[in-house]
């Protein structure tokens, strides 16, 4: 690719020298450094700019002489535009380095916040993927985690109201609370109550901080009679809590306003719909909550697919929702990692590679 600007300089120079006196192609030499800036660094761009300037000098010496007003104007314009191109390339390189540093920090934050699930935990095989809707982001408002207890494995999959980077704080809070308490509570209702209390407390602190910030803003910038519009709505986190005993053939589940998981068995795909789902975490203070545990069969070879609403609410160009159950039914014979890879590619193809919301999936298979 770097040979192309050099070829352009040679071709433009030869054609201009051989052209009639009324035709001037010398100004086109500026294309060479501009093209170089798109494929190479500032040093290469500056080198090609100097070569283009030398070629324009040769054209002027052969055709009109270097003292003519025409060639002097062309040389001056070439110098100014070339300097501008090189300067812009320097700024671009600086911004790319800054972006690389930001991405490295984002990847480190992802590893700390959303730790990769192990391939094997107890008698279970796990697979997962995460797609953030925020451009250049690695994580967002969806979350998942797994923790070992004395006699089984507990899983959490959740979805913070909102999307992208603005919901990271609530996701980090819930993940930290789950990792700290998953092995301390003997039953799922106790764990769900603890997580709801943690989220409620954090949201209350956040609301108080926002009210204080709005009060300072109104005092400094607003007219006393003006009112700032309410940001609206309450924050909450939909979640599903799952307990899978090591020595059993069942799975215990609490659904807190989250899309129901899918159970994949050789005879078909079943939606694990709970009778009385609890409200999302963070809304427990609004009304008394009774966390009811549902139990479903989960034998060796069975698979459980837990997902967030960013999957089933993804729309294509015709505004059709993603047919998750249909796809899973067609591909359930695949291994968990292969199945999730196919679902990931198919989901991105369905939405044209741009999601409107974060999307996450976790698949659990009980091994023999």
Foldseek 3Di string as FASTA:
>chain_A
DLVVLVVVLVVLLVCQLPDPLVDHSLLVNLVSLLVCLVPHALVSSLVSLVVSLVSLQVSCCRHPRCPDPVSVVSSVVSVVSSVVSSVVRVVVVVVVVVLVVVLVVQVVVCCVQAPDDDCDDQLKGKDKDWDAQDPSHPDKFWHKDKDDEPFWIKIKTKGKPDGGPVNSVLSSQLVVLCHVCVHPDPDDVVSLVSSLVSSQVVQVVVVVVVVVVLVVCCVPPNDPVDDDDDPDDGIFMWMKMWIDGNPDFKIKIAGAPWQFKWKDDPVAIDGPDDPDHHHTRNCCVVDPTDTDIDMDGHHAFMKIKGKGVLQQCQAAPVNDGDPVRVLCRVPVVDDPNVSVVVSVVVSCVRHVNRTPHMMMMMMMGRHD
